Amino acid sequence: MSLSNAELDAIYLTIALASITTVLLLILGTPLAWWLSRRRGNVPALLEAIVAMPLILPPTVPVSYTHLTLPTI
């Protein structure tokens, strides 16, 4: 079974985006999770809502809003 160049490009793009996203979320998410778990006092409800949003909304909702707000390329 041979894959076309377009299919190989799609696979490469998927792997690259997944890798970049994983690294960024580890760098940003781990310290944020540590800070939220050890915080004392009041944290604005907006920050907690933003952190919990991916658990509540299906992935298509933020993507569709992103497509509406970003200019077309």
C-alpha atoms as a PDB file:
ATOM      1  CA  MET A   1       0.000   0.000   0.000  1.00  0.00           C
ATOM      2  CA  SER A   2       1.530   3.250  -1.116  1.00  0.00           C
ATOM      3  CA  LEU A   3       0.512   6.658   0.197  1.00  0.00           C
ATOM      4  CA  SER A   4       0.375   9.739  -1.962  1.00  0.00           C
ATOM      5  CA  ASN A   5       2.343  12.893  -1.190  1.00  0.00           C
ATOM      6  CA  ALA A   6      -0.812  14.629   0.035  1.00  0.00           C
ATOM      7  CA  GLU A   7      -1.524  11.796   2.468  1.00  0.00           C
ATOM      8  CA  LEU A   8       2.053  11.794   3.729  1.00  0.00           C
ATOM      9  CA  ASP A   9       1.885  15.577   4.190  1.00  0.00           C
ATOM     10  CA  ALA A  10      -1.330  15.202   6.186  1.00  0.00           C
ATOM     11  CA  ILE A  11       0.238  12.550   8.414  1.00  0.00           C
ATOM     12  CA  TYR A  12       3.355  14.682   8.939  1.00  0.00           C
ATOM     13  CA  LEU A  13       1.249  17.746   9.781  1.00  0.00           C
ATOM     14  CA  THR A  14      -0.851  15.764  12.254  1.00  0.00           C
ATOM     15  CA  ILE A  15       2.211  14.384  14.034  1.00  0.00           C
ATOM     16  CA  ALA A  16       3.921  17.789  14.097  1.00  0.00           C
ATOM     17  CA  LEU A  17       0.860  19.585  15.491  1.00  0.00           C
ATOM     18  CA  ALA A  18       0.262  16.888  18.107  1.00  0.00           C
ATOM     19  CA  SER A  19       3.899  17.054  19.215  1.00  0.00           C
ATOM     20  CA  ILE A  20       3.979  20.848  19.434  1.00  0.00           C
ATOM     21  CA  THR A  21       0.667  20.935  21.301  1.00  0.00           C
ATOM     22  CA  THR A  22       1.830  18.301  23.778  1.00  0.00           C
ATOM     23  CA  VAL A  23       5.054  20.145  24.555  1.00  0.00           C
ATOM     24  CA  LEU A  24       3.312  23.520  24.931  1.00  0.00           C
ATOM     25  CA  LEU A  25       0.630  22.109  27.195  1.00  0.00           C
ATOM     26  CA  LEU A  26       3.228  20.390  29.366  1.00  0.00           C
ATOM     27  CA  ILE A  27       5.206  23.622  29.683  1.00  0.00           C
ATOM     28  CA  LEU A  28       2.170  25.801  30.407  1.00  0.00           C
ATOM     29  CA  GLY A  29      -0.239  23.378  32.026  1.00  0.00           C
ATOM     30  CA  THR A  30       1.991  21.714  34.598  1.00  0.00           C
ATOM     31  CA  PRO A  31       2.966  24.915  36.455  1.00  0.00           C
ATOM     32  CA  LEU A  32      -0.614  26.178  36.253  1.00  0.00           C
ATOM     33  CA  ALA A  33      -1.967  22.921  37.680  1.00  0.00           C
ATOM     34  CA  TRP A  34       0.634  22.998  40.447  1.00  0.00           C
ATOM     35  CA  TRP A  35      -0.229  26.609  41.305  1.00  0.00           C
ATOM     36  CA  LEU A  36      -3.987  25.965  41.278  1.00  0.00           C
ATOM     37  CA  SER A  37      -3.613  22.925  43.531  1.00  0.00           C
ATOM     38  CA  ARG A  38      -1.528  24.795  46.111  1.00  0.00           C
ATOM     39  CA  ARG A  39      -3.115  28.232  46.030  1.00  0.00           C
ATOM     40  CA  ARG A  40      -4.339  29.851  49.163  1.00  0.00           C
ATOM     41  CA  GLY A  41      -7.007  32.508  49.047  1.00  0.00           C
ATOM     42  CA  ASN A  42      -9.342  33.476  46.261  1.00  0.00           C
ATOM     43  CA  VAL A  43      -8.563  32.902  42.634  1.00  0.00           C
ATOM     44  CA  PRO A  44     -10.788  34.743  40.217  1.00  0.00           C
ATOM     45  CA  ALA A  45     -13.606  32.554  39.000  1.00  0.00           C
ATOM     46  CA  LEU A  46     -12.766  33.509  35.426  1.00  0.00           C
ATOM     47  CA  LEU A  47      -9.372  31.775  35.637  1.00  0.00           C
ATOM     48  CA  GLU A  48     -10.951  28.608  36.998  1.00  0.00           C
ATOM     49  CA  ALA A  49     -13.602  28.734  34.266  1.00  0.00           C
ATOM     50  CA  ILE A  50     -10.962  29.090  31.548  1.00  0.00           C
ATOM     51  CA  VAL A  51      -9.001  26.147  32.933  1.00  0.00           C
ATOM     52  CA  ALA A  52     -12.142  23.964  33.143  1.00  0.00           C
ATOM     53  CA  MET A  53     -13.509  24.974  29.734  1.00  0.00           C
ATOM     54  CA  PRO A  54     -11.875  22.150  27.710  1.00  0.00           C
ATOM     55  CA  LEU A  55     -13.535  19.640  30.030  1.00  0.00           C
ATOM     56  CA  ILE A  56     -16.974  21.161  29.517  1.00  0.00           C
ATOM     57  CA  LEU A  57     -17.058  22.200  25.856  1.00  0.00           C
ATOM     58  CA  PRO A  58     -16.582  19.781  23.004  1.00  0.00           C
ATOM     59  CA  PRO A  59     -13.500  20.590  20.919  1.00  0.00           C
ATOM     60  CA  THR A  60     -15.556  21.809  17.975  1.00  0.00           C
ATOM     61  CA  VAL A  61     -16.975  24.808  19.849  1.00  0.00           C
ATOM     62  CA  PRO A  62     -13.675  26.667  20.477  1.00  0.00           C
ATOM     63  CA  VAL A  63     -12.454  25.755  16.993  1.00  0.00           C
ATOM     64  CA  SER A  64     -15.562  27.181  15.367  1.00  0.00           C
ATOM     65  CA  TYR A  65     -15.234  30.394  17.407  1.00  0.00           C
ATOM     66  CA  THR A  66     -11.579  30.610  16.407  1.00  0.00           C
ATOM     67  CA  HIS A  67     -12.535  30.327  12.751  1.00  0.00           C
ATOM     68  CA  LEU A  68     -15.091  33.095  13.196  1.00  0.00           C
ATOM     69  CA  THR A  69     -12.696  35.489  14.909  1.00  0.00           C
ATOM     70  CA  LEU A  70      -9.506  34.947  12.903  1.00  0.00           C
ATOM     71  CA  PRO A  71      -9.148  36.481   9.462  1.00  0.00           C
ATOM     72  CA  THR A  72      -9.213  34.109   6.534  1.00  0.00           C
ATOM     73  CA  ILE A  73      -5.887  33.166   5.061  1.00  0.00           C
END
